[in-house]
Amino acid sequence: MRTSDWDVTAPARIVSLDPAGWDELKVGYCGRLNDLPLLRCFQVAELSGARCAVIETRYLGPDYRREYSRLHSRTFPHVPDWAHRIHFFDSELDVSQLTTLPEEVGYLGYVVVRPPRLSAVVKAMLVPPPDLRLAVRTAVAETIHLFGQELSVAAVPFAEQDTTLGVCAHAAAWSCHYTAALRGYCAPLTIAELAETADASLSPHRAFPNQGLTVQQLSDLFRRHGTPPMFYMIGMLPHAELPGQFPPPAGVPGADPGTWDTRIVSTACRHLNGGFPVLVGTRDHAFVLCGWWREAGQIRLVRHDDQQGPYLPVNDPLSDSLVHPVTGAPRDYGPWRTLHVPMPPTAWLLPEAAEKKGGVGLLAGSSALASPLATKLSQDVPSLSDLMAQSALTFRTYVARSCDYKAALASRGHSNATVAMLRLTQMPRFVVVVEAIDRNARQADGPCVVAEAVMDATSPDRDPSWIAAWVHGATCILEDPDDPLAVRSASAPTRVLSGGVGPA
């Protein structure tokens, strides 16, 4: 599409997404320096069953308008000051339905596209493709308006850098920030606003045109906008050091830590289990981890990469390469170097510190309680040490809002007594939950949590504070640190579902 063709008089047009319709979209919107992100967006919509696209032809959304004001209005070539927004539906629509959409319209999300000659994707919110839908952990709900009608989509925010005002780090930071904003943790900002507020004194480069963000700039940017990050350096990642866990990697002298530090996966998953995206920094690039899944006994991660597209697999973070699913173009990322995890202001406690203390406490509580419970309640209550001896014990840790944790107790299978006790327990806004998982039960797709600890997210890493524990059906509210079993309620069941985001 030429710039002169961008100004369409009709407010919208509809494209039926048969093969010819998809070709029409690709011909109309591709042909830029890098078409990979937009092509992947189209592929995600197609995999989700899109049958119809509605194109708003003069979309005046804040993301592109702010970018235009800060950048394109100051350049010599003429650039239109509006974008196109392409909505995808899994049902067929005609022009007569644009202002009165059917109730079951099957909304799959949208892509906001810049004018020709610029990088394409201003912003996208697309439901994950079916093969990765359960793997995606950080999706958030957004409600938008199409000609006065509300539409909702649950997705991971995606954006492509404009290459001048914002670069890959800005796009990745915005994806994390907008996720937090839609959860109510901070006020929403555009990529342009993030670029404008980055502290130029923390980088030796020119602030504009942008040459990229330093690690210090990223940390400062998240902090000043309400989501102070947890920062990890690859090669120096914390380890929970629980009995039965794999020991920390010894390292390889002279090798880049990103090629041997296997703790990358467990560190990222602890945050993804709570729905928090993880920003990965390499030597020259940044992208966002938004999910994981288990395949043949291995953990595979899911990423948003502004230069490749949304919902892409990470097969091996220690040797990270990608073949683009649309074009087959290869991409070698090189070793990972840093992780940033933007967090709510009062979520202080490192999940690794909580897992270490919570796991040790659960093991001790299990040893104390399992034997009497096994004779009193059920013969099917193995102690955590028994599970460990069978190589069937693992731990799952995540950060959650305490209100969300309490709300999910009943649906997870906890007894009425446990639900009542925990819901009446005073907790901080955020807690860190450590679950002891029975691997055998997990493999059978049944309730697999046999014990869990609830830790105070405002407590320090050196001495995490307990709030409550549930072990083999016994619930302990730790109101008195000197008498940790002061309040106890023993009741079945002895296994419940995990409370983390997505499958355990």
Protein backbone atom coordinates (compact mmCIF):
# COMPACT_ATOMS: atom_id res chain seq x y z
CA MET A 1 0.00 0.00 0.00
CA ARG A 2 1.35 3.44 -0.93
CA THR A 3 1.19 6.38 1.47
CA SER A 4 -1.19 8.12 -0.92
CA ASP A 5 -3.58 5.16 -0.61
CA TRP A 6 -3.60 5.27 3.19
CA ASP A 7 -6.37 7.87 3.38
CA VAL A 8 -9.53 5.84 2.79
CA THR A 9 -12.79 7.78 3.02
CA ALA A 10 -14.92 4.89 4.34
CA PRO A 11 -14.67 4.45 8.15
CA ALA A 12 -14.12 0.73 7.80
CA ARG A 13 -13.88 -2.09 5.34
CA ILE A 14 -14.41 -5.82 5.73
CA VAL A 15 -12.17 -8.55 4.34
CA SER A 16 -13.41 -12.13 4.20
CA LEU A 17 -10.43 -14.24 5.19
CA ASP A 18 -10.37 -16.94 2.57
CA PRO A 19 -6.95 -17.47 0.90
CA ALA A 20 -7.54 -14.49 -1.35
CA GLY A 21 -8.45 -12.34 1.66
CA TRP A 22 -5.26 -13.24 3.52
CA ASP A 23 -3.27 -12.42 0.38
CA GLU A 24 -5.05 -9.06 0.22
CA LEU A 25 -3.98 -8.23 3.78
CA LYS A 26 -0.39 -9.28 3.16
CA VAL A 27 -0.10 -7.34 -0.09
CA GLY A 28 -1.74 -4.30 1.46
CA TYR A 29 0.26 -4.11 4.67
CA CYS A 30 3.59 -5.87 4.08
CA GLY A 31 6.53 -4.78 1.96
CA ARG A 32 8.48 -3.08 4.75
CA LEU A 33 12.05 -3.46 5.97
CA ASN A 34 10.93 -6.24 8.31
CA ASP A 35 7.63 -8.00 7.65
CA LEU A 36 8.21 -10.86 10.11
CA PRO A 37 6.29 -9.42 13.12
CA LEU A 38 3.20 -8.57 11.05
CA LEU A 39 3.28 -11.90 9.19
CA ARG A 40 3.39 -13.73 12.52
CA CYS A 41 0.45 -11.65 13.80
CA PHE A 42 -1.54 -12.65 10.73
CA GLN A 43 -0.54 -16.28 11.23
CA VAL A 44 -1.62 -16.21 14.91
CA ALA A 45 -5.04 -14.87 13.89
CA GLU A 46 -5.34 -17.48 11.14
CA LEU A 47 -4.40 -20.33 13.50
CA SER A 48 -7.07 -19.09 15.92
CA GLY A 49 -9.70 -19.51 13.21
CA ALA A 50 -10.11 -15.94 11.92
CA ARG A 51 -12.68 -15.81 9.12
CA CYS A 52 -13.23 -12.07 8.88
CA ALA A 53 -11.19 -8.86 9.34
CA VAL A 54 -12.73 -5.47 10.04
CA ILE A 55 -10.31 -2.62 9.28
CA GLU A 56 -10.74 0.77 10.93
CA THR A 57 -9.16 2.96 8.28
CA ARG A 58 -8.64 6.17 10.30
CA TYR A 59 -7.76 4.92 13.77
CA LEU A 60 -6.67 7.69 16.14
CA GLY A 61 -5.44 5.64 19.08
CA PRO A 62 -3.04 7.09 21.68
CA ASP A 63 -0.10 4.78 20.94
CA TYR A 64 0.57 5.86 17.36
CA ARG A 65 -0.61 9.46 17.91
CA ARG A 66 1.95 9.94 20.69
CA GLU A 67 4.64 8.42 18.51
CA TYR A 68 3.60 10.63 15.59
CA SER A 69 3.73 13.77 17.75
CA ARG A 70 7.16 12.95 19.14
CA LEU A 71 8.76 11.55 15.99
CA HIS A 72 6.99 11.45 12.62
CA SER A 73 5.67 15.03 12.72
CA ARG A 74 9.30 16.20 12.92
CA THR A 75 10.68 14.25 9.98
CA PHE A 76 11.07 15.61 6.44
CA PRO A 77 8.94 13.01 4.55
CA HIS A 78 5.17 13.20 4.87
CA VAL A 79 3.77 10.59 7.23
CA PRO A 80 0.00 10.26 7.90
CA ASP A 81 -1.01 10.93 11.50
CA TRP A 82 -3.46 8.03 11.77
CA ALA A 83 -3.10 4.27 11.84
CA HIS A 84 -5.23 1.33 10.71
CA ARG A 85 -6.63 -1.08 13.29
CA ILE A 86 -7.41 -4.58 12.02
CA HIS A 87 -9.90 -6.60 14.08
CA PHE A 88 -10.18 -10.37 13.67
CA PHE A 89 -13.33 -12.47 14.18
CA ASP A 90 -14.00 -16.20 13.88
CA SER A 91 -17.39 -15.50 12.27
CA GLU A 92 -18.35 -13.87 8.99
CA LEU A 93 -19.62 -10.28 9.12
CA ASP A 94 -21.05 -7.89 6.56
CA VAL A 95 -21.23 -4.11 6.45
CA SER A 96 -24.77 -4.03 7.85
CA GLN A 97 -23.52 -5.62 11.10
CA LEU A 98 -20.70 -3.17 11.85
CA THR A 99 -22.77 -1.05 14.23
CA THR A 100 -24.84 -3.95 15.60
CA LEU A 101 -22.48 -6.86 16.10
CA PRO A 102 -23.92 -10.31 16.87
CA GLU A 103 -23.72 -11.39 20.52
CA GLU A 104 -21.47 -14.38 19.76
CA VAL A 105 -19.17 -12.58 17.38
CA GLY A 106 -16.03 -14.56 18.25
CA TYR A 107 -13.56 -11.71 18.78
CA LEU A 108 -9.91 -12.76 18.39
CA GLY A 109 -8.18 -9.43 18.95
CA TYR A 110 -6.61 -6.70 16.88
CA VAL A 111 -3.43 -5.33 15.31
CA VAL A 112 -2.74 -1.59 14.98
CA VAL A 113 -0.64 -0.94 11.86
CA ARG A 114 1.53 2.07 11.05
CA PRO A 115 1.43 3.80 7.63
CA PRO A 116 3.60 2.43 4.81
CA ARG A 117 7.43 2.60 4.90
CA LEU A 118 7.42 2.43 8.72
CA SER A 119 7.77 -0.67 10.86
CA ALA A 120 4.32 -2.21 10.89
CA VAL A 121 2.95 -3.17 14.30
CA VAL A 122 2.17 -0.30 16.67
CA LYS A 123 0.34 -2.58 19.07
CA ALA A 124 -1.36 -5.97 19.00
CA MET A 125 -3.62 -7.90 21.34
CA LEU A 126 -4.29 -11.32 19.82
CA VAL A 127 -5.51 -14.44 21.58
CA PRO A 128 -2.74 -17.05 21.72
CA PRO A 129 -2.78 -19.70 18.99
CA PRO A 130 -4.44 -22.98 20.00
CA ASP A 131 -1.20 -24.96 20.26
CA LEU A 132 0.21 -22.50 22.84
CA ARG A 133 -2.97 -21.35 24.57
CA LEU A 134 -2.39 -23.37 27.75
CA ALA A 135 1.30 -22.50 27.75
CA VAL A 136 0.76 -18.72 27.83
CA ARG A 137 0.79 -17.54 31.47
CA THR A 138 0.79 -13.73 31.35
CA ALA A 139 -2.32 -12.97 29.26
CA VAL A 140 -4.44 -10.05 30.45
CA ALA A 141 -7.93 -8.89 29.53
CA GLU A 142 -8.47 -5.66 27.60
CA THR A 143 -11.79 -4.09 26.62
CA ILE A 144 -11.81 -1.94 23.47
CA HIS A 145 -14.54 -0.17 21.51
CA LEU A 146 -15.46 -0.69 17.88
CA PHE A 147 -18.00 1.85 16.65
CA GLY A 148 -19.50 2.22 20.13
CA GLN A 149 -19.53 -1.50 20.95
CA GLU A 150 -17.40 -3.14 23.61
CA LEU A 151 -15.19 -6.07 22.69
CA SER A 152 -12.90 -7.96 25.07
CA VAL A 153 -9.79 -9.98 24.39
CA ALA A 154 -7.39 -11.87 26.69
CA ALA A 155 -3.87 -11.70 25.26
CA VAL A 156 -0.26 -10.75 25.87
CA PRO A 157 0.45 -7.19 24.66
CA PHE A 158 2.80 -7.04 21.66
CA ALA A 159 4.50 -4.13 19.90
CA GLU A 160 7.21 -3.61 17.29
CA GLN A 161 9.84 -0.90 17.69
CA ASP A 162 9.73 2.09 15.36
CA THR A 163 13.59 1.91 15.27
CA THR A 164 14.14 5.61 16.08
CA LEU A 165 12.05 6.74 19.03
CA GLY A 166 11.83 3.25 20.52
CA VAL A 167 14.00 0.17 20.11
CA CYS A 168 13.58 -3.48 21.07
CA ALA A 169 14.07 -2.75 24.78
CA HIS A 170 11.28 -0.15 24.72
CA ALA A 171 8.93 -2.59 22.97
CA ALA A 172 9.73 -5.33 25.49
CA ALA A 173 9.44 -2.93 28.44
CA TRP A 174 6.08 -1.68 27.15
CA SER A 175 4.74 -5.23 26.88
CA CYS A 176 5.60 -5.82 30.56
CA HIS A 177 4.33 -2.39 31.59
CA TYR A 178 1.01 -2.63 29.76
CA THR A 179 0.44 -6.07 31.27
CA ALA A 180 0.88 -4.55 34.72
CA ALA A 181 -1.37 -1.59 33.81
CA LEU A 182 -4.22 -3.85 32.69
CA ARG A 183 -3.93 -5.64 36.03
CA GLY A 184 -4.27 -2.32 37.85
CA TYR A 185 -0.71 -2.17 39.22
CA CYS A 186 0.21 1.11 37.47
CA ALA A 187 -1.08 3.74 35.05
CA PRO A 188 -0.87 2.82 31.33
CA LEU A 189 1.76 4.50 29.15
CA THR A 190 2.57 4.35 25.46
CA ILE A 191 5.96 3.27 24.11
CA ALA A 192 6.64 6.91 23.19
CA GLU A 193 6.03 7.97 26.79
CA LEU A 194 8.35 5.25 28.06
CA ALA A 195 11.03 6.40 25.60
CA GLU A 196 10.60 10.02 26.64
CA THR A 197 11.00 9.26 30.35
CA ALA A 198 14.09 7.02 30.14
CA ASP A 199 16.94 8.65 32.07
CA ALA A 200 19.46 9.71 29.40
CA SER A 201 22.15 10.22 32.05
CA LEU A 202 22.32 6.43 32.55
CA SER A 203 23.52 5.85 28.97
CA PRO A 204 26.53 7.18 27.01
CA HIS A 205 24.47 7.31 23.80
CA ARG A 206 22.18 9.95 22.39
CA ALA A 207 18.66 9.80 23.75
CA PHE A 208 17.25 10.56 20.29
CA PRO A 209 17.53 8.93 17.81
CA ASN A 210 17.59 6.13 20.36
CA GLN A 211 20.53 3.75 20.45
CA GLY A 212 19.04 1.36 23.00
CA LEU A 213 18.57 1.10 26.75
CA THR A 214 21.17 0.08 29.29
CA VAL A 215 20.39 -2.35 32.10
CA GLN A 216 20.35 0.59 34.52
CA GLN A 217 17.92 2.54 32.32
CA LEU A 218 15.54 -0.40 32.16
CA SER A 219 15.55 -0.85 35.93
CA ASP A 220 15.03 2.87 36.47
CA LEU A 221 12.27 3.03 33.87
CA PHE A 222 10.25 0.28 35.53
CA ARG A 223 10.85 1.76 38.99
CA ARG A 224 9.74 5.28 38.14
CA HIS A 225 6.54 4.01 36.52
CA GLY A 226 5.36 1.91 39.43
CA THR A 227 6.73 -1.59 38.79
CA PRO A 228 10.18 -1.83 40.41
CA PRO A 229 11.81 -4.90 38.88
CA MET A 230 13.52 -7.91 40.32
CA PHE A 231 16.84 -8.09 38.46
CA TYR A 232 18.85 -11.22 37.76
CA MET A 233 22.28 -11.60 36.19
CA ILE A 234 22.73 -14.86 34.30
CA GLY A 235 25.52 -16.83 35.97
CA MET A 236 24.60 -15.40 39.38
CA LEU A 237 21.02 -16.63 39.64
CA PRO A 238 19.73 -17.64 43.11
CA HIS A 239 19.10 -21.27 43.94
CA ALA A 240 16.52 -22.54 46.45
CA GLU A 241 18.91 -25.31 47.58
CA LEU A 242 16.14 -27.66 48.71
CA PRO A 243 16.86 -31.34 49.38
CA GLY A 244 16.20 -33.46 46.32
CA GLN A 245 16.54 -30.60 43.86
CA PHE A 246 19.20 -30.53 41.20
CA PRO A 247 22.34 -28.82 42.53
CA PRO A 248 23.24 -25.42 41.08
CA PRO A 249 25.34 -25.62 37.92
CA ALA A 250 29.06 -25.56 38.53
CA GLY A 251 29.76 -23.26 35.61
CA VAL A 252 32.17 -23.68 32.73
CA PRO A 253 35.43 -21.71 32.99
CA GLY A 254 35.75 -19.23 30.15
CA ALA A 255 32.25 -19.91 28.80
CA ASP A 256 29.47 -17.34 28.69
CA PRO A 257 27.09 -18.01 31.63
CA GLY A 258 24.18 -17.90 29.19
CA THR A 259 25.44 -21.18 27.73
CA TRP A 260 25.46 -23.17 31.00
CA ASP A 261 23.28 -21.55 33.69
CA THR A 262 20.34 -23.98 33.79
CA ARG A 263 18.71 -21.94 36.58
CA ILE A 264 17.35 -19.63 33.85
CA VAL A 265 14.34 -21.88 33.36
CA SER A 266 13.35 -22.31 37.02
CA THR A 267 13.87 -18.59 37.71
CA ALA A 268 11.69 -17.55 34.78
CA CYS A 269 8.98 -20.13 35.56
CA ARG A 270 8.60 -18.97 39.17
CA HIS A 271 7.54 -15.56 37.87
CA LEU A 272 5.52 -16.84 34.92
CA ASN A 273 3.59 -19.08 37.34
CA GLY A 274 2.25 -15.88 38.90
CA GLY A 275 1.46 -14.28 35.54
CA PHE A 276 4.42 -11.88 35.56
CA PRO A 277 6.29 -11.47 32.24
CA VAL A 278 10.09 -11.71 32.20
CA LEU A 279 12.21 -9.37 30.07
CA VAL A 280 15.33 -11.09 28.72
CA GLY A 281 18.40 -9.11 27.70
CA THR A 282 21.07 -10.47 25.36
CA ARG A 283 24.15 -8.67 24.07
CA ASP A 284 22.18 -6.73 21.46
CA HIS A 285 18.50 -7.56 21.87
CA ALA A 286 15.61 -7.76 24.32
CA PHE A 287 12.40 -9.79 24.30
CA VAL A 288 9.72 -10.96 26.72
CA LEU A 289 8.95 -14.43 28.09
CA CYS A 290 5.20 -14.91 28.47
CA GLY A 291 4.72 -18.62 29.12
CA TRP A 292 6.05 -22.16 29.32
CA TRP A 293 4.96 -25.71 28.70
CA ARG A 294 6.32 -29.18 29.37
CA GLU A 295 7.26 -31.37 26.41
CA ALA A 296 8.95 -34.77 26.66
CA GLY A 297 10.11 -34.01 30.18
CA GLN A 298 11.63 -30.65 29.18
CA ILE A 299 10.43 -27.10 29.83
CA ARG A 300 9.87 -25.00 26.70
CA LEU A 301 9.35 -21.25 27.00
CA VAL A 302 7.16 -18.86 25.00
CA ARG A 303 8.38 -15.42 23.92
CA HIS A 304 7.23 -12.15 22.37
CA ASP A 305 10.00 -10.77 20.13
CA ASP A 306 9.30 -7.41 18.54
CA GLN A 307 11.48 -8.30 15.55
CA GLN A 308 10.01 -11.78 14.98
CA GLY A 309 6.44 -11.65 16.27
CA PRO A 310 4.23 -12.82 19.16
CA TYR A 311 3.92 -16.27 20.75
CA LEU A 312 7.14 -17.89 19.54
CA PRO A 313 8.86 -20.92 21.12
CA VAL A 314 12.14 -20.98 23.01
CA ASN A 315 13.36 -24.52 22.63
CA ASP A 316 16.68 -24.17 24.47
CA PRO A 317 17.61 -20.95 26.31
CA LEU A 318 21.22 -22.12 26.57
CA SER A 319 21.51 -22.32 22.77
CA ASP A 320 18.79 -19.96 21.63
CA SER A 321 17.87 -19.95 17.98
CA LEU A 322 14.62 -19.67 16.06
CA VAL A 323 13.31 -20.60 12.64
CA HIS A 324 10.52 -18.17 11.83
CA PRO A 325 7.26 -20.12 11.51
CA VAL A 326 6.08 -18.15 8.45
CA THR A 327 9.19 -17.53 6.35
CA GLY A 328 11.64 -20.10 7.71
CA ALA A 329 14.21 -17.35 8.28
CA PRO A 330 16.75 -18.33 10.98
CA ARG A 331 17.56 -16.17 14.01
CA ASP A 332 20.45 -16.76 16.42
CA TYR A 333 19.91 -14.84 19.66
CA GLY A 334 23.20 -15.56 21.39
CA PRO A 335 23.60 -16.10 25.15
CA TRP A 336 21.11 -14.53 27.53
CA ARG A 337 22.66 -12.08 29.99
CA THR A 338 20.00 -10.50 32.20
CA LEU A 339 16.41 -10.92 33.40
CA HIS A 340 14.11 -8.07 34.51
CA VAL A 341 10.79 -8.90 36.17
CA PRO A 342 8.66 -5.79 36.81
CA MET A 343 6.70 -6.28 40.03
CA PRO A 344 4.07 -4.42 42.07
CA PRO A 345 5.68 -2.03 44.61
CA THR A 346 5.00 -4.19 47.69
CA ALA A 347 5.98 -7.57 46.20
CA TRP A 348 9.48 -7.56 47.67
CA LEU A 349 10.25 -11.17 48.54
CA LEU A 350 12.30 -13.10 46.00
CA PRO A 351 10.44 -16.31 45.05
CA GLU A 352 13.69 -18.23 45.44
CA ALA A 353 14.07 -17.11 49.07
CA ALA A 354 10.44 -18.00 49.78
CA GLU A 355 10.84 -21.40 48.14
CA LYS A 356 13.91 -22.21 50.23
CA LYS A 357 12.31 -21.40 53.60
CA GLY A 358 8.83 -22.58 52.65
CA GLY A 359 10.09 -25.85 51.21
CA VAL A 360 12.20 -26.66 54.27
CA GLY A 361 9.26 -25.84 56.53
CA LEU A 362 6.86 -28.01 54.56
CA LEU A 363 9.28 -30.93 54.66
CA ALA A 364 9.55 -30.59 58.45
CA GLY A 365 5.79 -30.20 58.87
CA SER A 366 5.13 -33.22 56.69
CA SER A 367 7.43 -35.41 58.75
CA ALA A 368 5.65 -34.30 61.92
CA LEU A 369 2.12 -34.72 60.60
CA ALA A 370 2.17 -37.50 58.01
CA SER A 371 2.36 -40.48 60.35
CA PRO A 372 -0.62 -39.65 62.61
CA LEU A 373 -2.67 -38.48 59.64
CA ALA A 374 -1.91 -41.64 57.70
CA THR A 375 -3.56 -43.77 60.38
CA LYS A 376 -6.30 -41.32 61.28
CA LEU A 377 -7.45 -40.06 57.86
CA SER A 378 -6.11 -42.05 54.97
CA GLN A 379 -3.52 -44.60 53.96
CA ASP A 380 -2.82 -42.56 50.83
CA VAL A 381 -0.84 -39.73 52.45
CA PRO A 382 2.86 -40.18 51.64
CA SER A 383 5.16 -37.82 53.47
CA LEU A 384 7.16 -35.34 51.42
CA SER A 385 10.30 -37.27 52.32
CA ASP A 386 8.69 -40.43 50.89
CA LEU A 387 7.89 -38.57 47.67
CA MET A 388 11.44 -37.25 47.58
CA ALA A 389 12.82 -40.77 47.96
CA GLN A 390 10.73 -41.76 44.91
CA SER A 391 12.00 -38.72 42.94
CA ALA A 392 8.34 -37.67 42.84
CA LEU A 393 8.59 -34.38 44.75
CA THR A 394 9.01 -30.95 43.23
CA PHE A 395 8.06 -27.42 44.23
CA ARG A 396 6.09 -24.76 42.40
CA THR A 397 6.42 -21.16 43.57
CA TYR A 398 4.56 -18.04 42.46
CA VAL A 399 3.56 -14.54 43.55
CA ALA A 400 -0.17 -13.81 43.80
CA ARG A 401 -2.53 -11.18 45.09
CA SER A 402 -3.83 -12.48 48.38
CA CYS A 403 -7.42 -11.81 47.30
CA ASP A 404 -6.90 -13.96 44.21
CA TYR A 405 -5.29 -16.69 46.30
CA LYS A 406 -8.26 -16.70 48.70
CA ALA A 407 -10.83 -16.57 45.89
CA ALA A 408 -9.41 -19.71 44.26
CA LEU A 409 -9.24 -21.90 47.38
CA ALA A 410 -12.61 -23.59 46.98
CA SER A 411 -12.29 -24.26 43.25
CA ARG A 412 -8.88 -25.82 43.86
CA GLY A 413 -10.49 -28.45 46.10
CA HIS A 414 -9.67 -27.23 49.60
CA SER A 415 -12.09 -28.27 52.34
CA ASN A 416 -14.69 -25.84 53.67
CA ALA A 417 -12.79 -25.60 56.96
CA THR A 418 -9.55 -24.72 55.20
CA VAL A 419 -11.25 -22.20 52.93
CA ALA A 420 -12.88 -20.50 55.92
CA MET A 421 -9.68 -20.36 57.95
CA LEU A 422 -7.53 -18.99 55.15
CA ARG A 423 -10.09 -16.47 53.92
CA LEU A 424 -10.42 -15.06 57.44
CA THR A 425 -6.65 -14.79 57.84
CA GLN A 426 -5.23 -11.30 57.45
CA MET A 427 -2.68 -11.17 54.64
CA PRO A 428 -0.71 -8.46 52.83
CA ARG A 429 -1.79 -7.47 49.33
CA PHE A 430 0.69 -9.91 47.78
CA VAL A 431 1.84 -13.32 48.99
CA VAL A 432 4.37 -15.84 47.73
CA VAL A 433 2.93 -19.35 47.57
CA VAL A 434 5.19 -22.41 47.67
CA GLU A 435 3.46 -25.64 46.60
CA ALA A 436 4.82 -29.15 47.12
CA ILE A 437 3.91 -31.12 44.00
CA ASP A 438 3.47 -34.89 43.65
CA ARG A 439 4.95 -35.54 40.20
CA ASN A 440 3.06 -38.82 39.79
CA ALA A 441 -0.30 -37.14 40.42
CA ARG A 442 0.66 -34.30 38.08
CA GLN A 443 1.48 -36.73 35.31
CA ALA A 444 -1.95 -38.32 35.79
CA ASP A 445 -3.57 -34.86 35.36
CA GLY A 446 -5.11 -35.03 38.82
CA PRO A 447 -4.86 -32.77 41.89
CA CYS A 448 -1.14 -32.79 42.61
CA VAL A 449 -0.48 -30.28 45.42
CA VAL A 450 0.09 -32.12 48.70
CA ALA A 451 1.31 -29.16 50.76
CA GLU A 452 1.66 -25.40 50.41
CA ALA A 453 3.17 -22.49 52.30
CA VAL A 454 1.89 -18.91 52.15
CA MET A 455 4.67 -16.36 52.69
CA ASP A 456 4.54 -12.61 53.32
CA ALA A 457 5.68 -10.83 50.14
CA THR A 458 6.72 -7.77 52.16
CA SER A 459 9.20 -9.74 54.27
CA PRO A 460 12.97 -9.62 53.58
CA ASP A 461 14.82 -12.23 51.54
CA ARG A 462 17.12 -13.05 54.44
CA ASP A 463 14.21 -14.08 56.68
CA PRO A 464 10.90 -14.68 54.85
CA SER A 465 7.85 -14.66 57.10
CA TRP A 466 5.22 -17.40 57.18
CA ILE A 467 1.51 -16.60 57.10
CA ALA A 468 -0.04 -20.05 56.77
CA ALA A 469 0.70 -23.62 55.81
CA TRP A 470 -1.36 -26.53 54.55
CA VAL A 471 0.18 -29.99 54.85
CA HIS A 472 -1.66 -33.28 54.19
CA GLY A 473 -5.02 -31.68 54.85
CA ALA A 474 -3.91 -29.90 58.05
CA THR A 475 -4.15 -26.11 57.95
CA CYS A 476 -1.90 -24.04 60.21
CA ILE A 477 -2.39 -20.29 60.63
CA LEU A 478 0.88 -18.93 61.94
CA GLU A 479 -0.42 -16.14 64.13
CA ASP A 480 2.25 -16.65 66.78
CA PRO A 481 5.83 -17.15 65.47
CA ASP A 482 6.81 -18.77 68.78
CA ASP A 483 4.03 -21.35 68.47
CA PRO A 484 3.77 -22.09 64.73
CA LEU A 485 1.11 -24.78 65.14
CA ALA A 486 -1.12 -22.75 67.43
CA VAL A 487 -4.13 -23.01 65.12
CA ARG A 488 -4.67 -26.30 63.34
CA SER A 489 -7.52 -27.87 61.42
CA ALA A 490 -7.13 -31.39 60.06
CA SER A 491 -9.52 -32.35 57.29
CA ALA A 492 -9.51 -34.07 53.89
CA PRO A 493 -8.73 -33.76 51.00
CA THR A 494 -5.01 -34.43 51.00
CA ARG A 495 -4.38 -33.27 47.41
CA VAL A 496 -5.65 -30.14 45.67
CA LEU A 497 -5.15 -28.37 42.35
CA SER A 498 -2.32 -25.90 41.87
CA GLY A 499 -3.13 -22.22 42.30
CA GLY A 500 -0.50 -20.94 39.85
CA VAL A 501 -1.36 -19.66 36.40
CA GLY A 502 -1.76 -22.49 33.90
CA PRO A 503 -1.07 -26.20 34.25
CA ALA A 504 1.40 -27.29 36.91
